[in-house]
Amino acid sequence: MKKKKVLIVDDDLRNIFALKLTLKARAYEIETAETGQEAIDILKKDNDINVVLMDMMMPDMDGYQTMKIIRETPAIKDKIIIAVTAQAMAQDREKCLEAGANDYITKPIKVDQLLIAIEKKL
């Protein structure tokens, strides 16, 4: 069975560390990016990534801008993106989905909710 590969995009190394540990413990292969541009570059090079966990609040290029570029780039436009944000209002969810996210989860991340969001998209 082929491993499922997740790209974690977050400017906070503590969040990357925690998510990486959690997902590796469940046999996911992990790639990480600290910026939106780095995420785009990784996606263009690595066709094996199944899911992107996209932090929405990053400096320079935020998650909304990054998702827009991903959705406009033919080679990577169909990647599954789960928005990860501390903003938990109903309009925030809609804003993420309109920007190109396939799903949305809030911080602090509940592991069960994260795993369900990933698995239902694969």
Protein backbone atom coordinates (compact mmCIF):
# COMPACT_ATOMS: atom_id res chain seq x y z
CA MET A 1 0.00 0.00 0.00
CA LYS A 2 1.33 3.41 -0.97
CA LYS A 3 1.83 5.89 1.86
CA LYS A 4 -0.39 8.95 1.92
CA LYS A 5 1.64 12.14 1.63
CA VAL A 6 0.68 15.42 3.32
CA LEU A 7 2.21 18.87 2.80
CA ILE A 8 2.00 21.01 5.95
CA VAL A 9 2.21 24.75 5.17
CA ASP A 10 2.66 26.92 8.26
CA ASP A 11 4.98 29.75 9.27
CA ASP A 12 5.00 28.56 12.91
CA LEU A 13 7.53 25.77 13.40
CA ARG A 14 5.74 24.61 16.57
CA ASN A 15 2.58 23.93 14.55
CA ILE A 16 4.59 22.08 11.90
CA PHE A 17 6.32 20.01 14.57
CA ALA A 18 3.07 19.02 16.31
CA LEU A 19 1.23 18.17 13.09
CA LYS A 20 4.21 16.27 11.72
CA LEU A 21 4.45 14.10 14.86
CA THR A 22 0.72 13.45 14.88
CA LEU A 23 0.51 12.46 11.22
CA LYS A 24 3.75 10.45 11.13
CA ALA A 25 2.43 8.40 14.06
CA ARG A 26 -0.47 7.46 11.78
CA ALA A 27 1.83 6.42 8.90
CA TYR A 28 1.53 9.55 6.78
CA GLU A 29 4.55 10.75 4.86
CA ILE A 30 5.13 14.45 5.52
CA GLU A 31 6.58 17.40 3.62
CA THR A 32 6.67 20.89 5.11
CA ALA A 33 6.77 24.46 3.87
CA GLU A 34 7.04 27.67 5.87
CA THR A 35 5.78 30.01 3.13
CA GLY A 36 3.16 29.98 0.43
CA GLN A 37 5.75 30.22 -2.32
CA GLU A 38 7.71 27.30 -0.88
CA ALA A 39 4.47 25.25 -0.84
CA ILE A 40 3.78 26.06 -4.50
CA ASP A 41 7.33 25.09 -5.46
CA ILE A 42 7.07 21.78 -3.58
CA LEU A 43 3.71 20.96 -5.17
CA LYS A 44 5.10 21.61 -8.66
CA LYS A 45 7.98 19.19 -8.01
CA ASP A 46 6.23 16.45 -5.99
CA ASN A 47 3.22 14.82 -7.67
CA ASP A 48 2.85 12.34 -4.80
CA ILE A 49 1.39 14.86 -2.33
CA ASN A 50 -2.23 13.89 -1.64
CA VAL A 51 -3.33 16.63 0.78
CA VAL A 52 -2.17 20.14 1.69
CA LEU A 53 -2.80 21.49 5.20
CA MET A 54 -2.74 25.25 4.59
CA ASP A 55 -2.32 27.76 7.40
CA MET A 56 -4.32 30.82 6.41
CA MET A 57 -2.47 33.50 8.36
CA MET A 58 1.11 33.71 7.09
CA PRO A 59 3.23 36.79 6.39
CA ASP A 60 4.04 37.82 2.81
CA MET A 61 1.75 35.41 0.95
CA ASP A 62 -1.13 34.21 3.15
CA GLY A 63 -3.08 31.00 2.66
CA TYR A 64 -5.78 32.73 0.61
CA GLN A 65 -3.26 34.06 -1.91
CA THR A 66 -1.41 30.74 -1.98
CA MET A 67 -4.59 28.77 -2.67
CA LYS A 68 -5.57 31.19 -5.45
CA ILE A 69 -2.23 30.59 -7.18
CA ILE A 70 -2.51 26.83 -6.70
CA ARG A 71 -6.01 26.81 -8.20
CA GLU A 72 -4.79 28.88 -11.18
CA THR A 73 -1.78 26.61 -11.88
CA PRO A 74 -2.85 23.76 -14.19
CA ALA A 75 -0.32 21.17 -12.95
CA ILE A 76 -1.40 21.51 -9.29
CA LYS A 77 -4.90 22.99 -9.43
CA ASP A 78 -6.61 19.76 -8.33
CA LYS A 79 -4.65 19.22 -5.10
CA ILE A 80 -6.78 18.67 -2.02
CA ILE A 81 -6.36 21.63 0.33
CA ILE A 82 -7.59 21.75 3.91
CA ALA A 83 -7.54 25.26 5.35
CA VAL A 84 -6.22 25.41 8.92
CA THR A 85 -7.01 28.59 10.81
CA ALA A 86 -7.61 30.09 14.22
CA GLN A 87 -10.46 32.11 12.72
CA ALA A 88 -13.59 30.19 13.59
CA MET A 89 -16.52 32.32 12.46
CA ALA A 90 -18.99 30.98 9.87
CA GLN A 91 -17.91 33.61 7.33
CA ASP A 92 -14.27 32.52 7.79
CA ARG A 93 -15.18 28.99 6.72
CA GLU A 94 -16.99 30.32 3.64
CA LYS A 95 -14.07 32.62 2.81
CA CYS A 96 -11.65 29.66 2.91
CA LEU A 97 -13.90 27.49 0.73
CA GLU A 98 -14.42 30.33 -1.76
CA ALA A 99 -10.65 30.85 -1.93
CA GLY A 100 -10.16 27.25 -3.02
CA ALA A 101 -10.06 25.07 0.08
CA ASN A 102 -11.72 21.66 -0.12
CA ASP A 103 -12.30 21.64 3.64
CA TYR A 104 -11.66 23.74 6.74
CA ILE A 105 -10.57 23.01 10.29
CA THR A 106 -9.93 25.37 13.17
CA LYS A 107 -7.06 25.73 15.61
CA PRO A 108 -6.43 24.43 18.13
CA ILE A 109 -6.61 21.34 15.97
CA LYS A 110 -8.55 18.36 17.25
CA VAL A 111 -6.65 15.32 15.97
CA ASP A 112 -9.78 13.24 15.31
CA GLN A 113 -11.34 16.09 13.31
CA LEU A 114 -8.12 16.52 11.31
CA LEU A 115 -7.87 12.81 10.48
CA ILE A 116 -11.52 12.68 9.40
CA ALA A 117 -11.02 15.74 7.18
CA ILE A 118 -7.97 14.16 5.53
CA GLU A 119 -9.45 10.70 5.09
CA LYS A 120 -12.78 11.85 3.64
CA LYS A 121 -10.91 13.76 0.92
CA LEU A 122 -8.65 10.88 -0.12
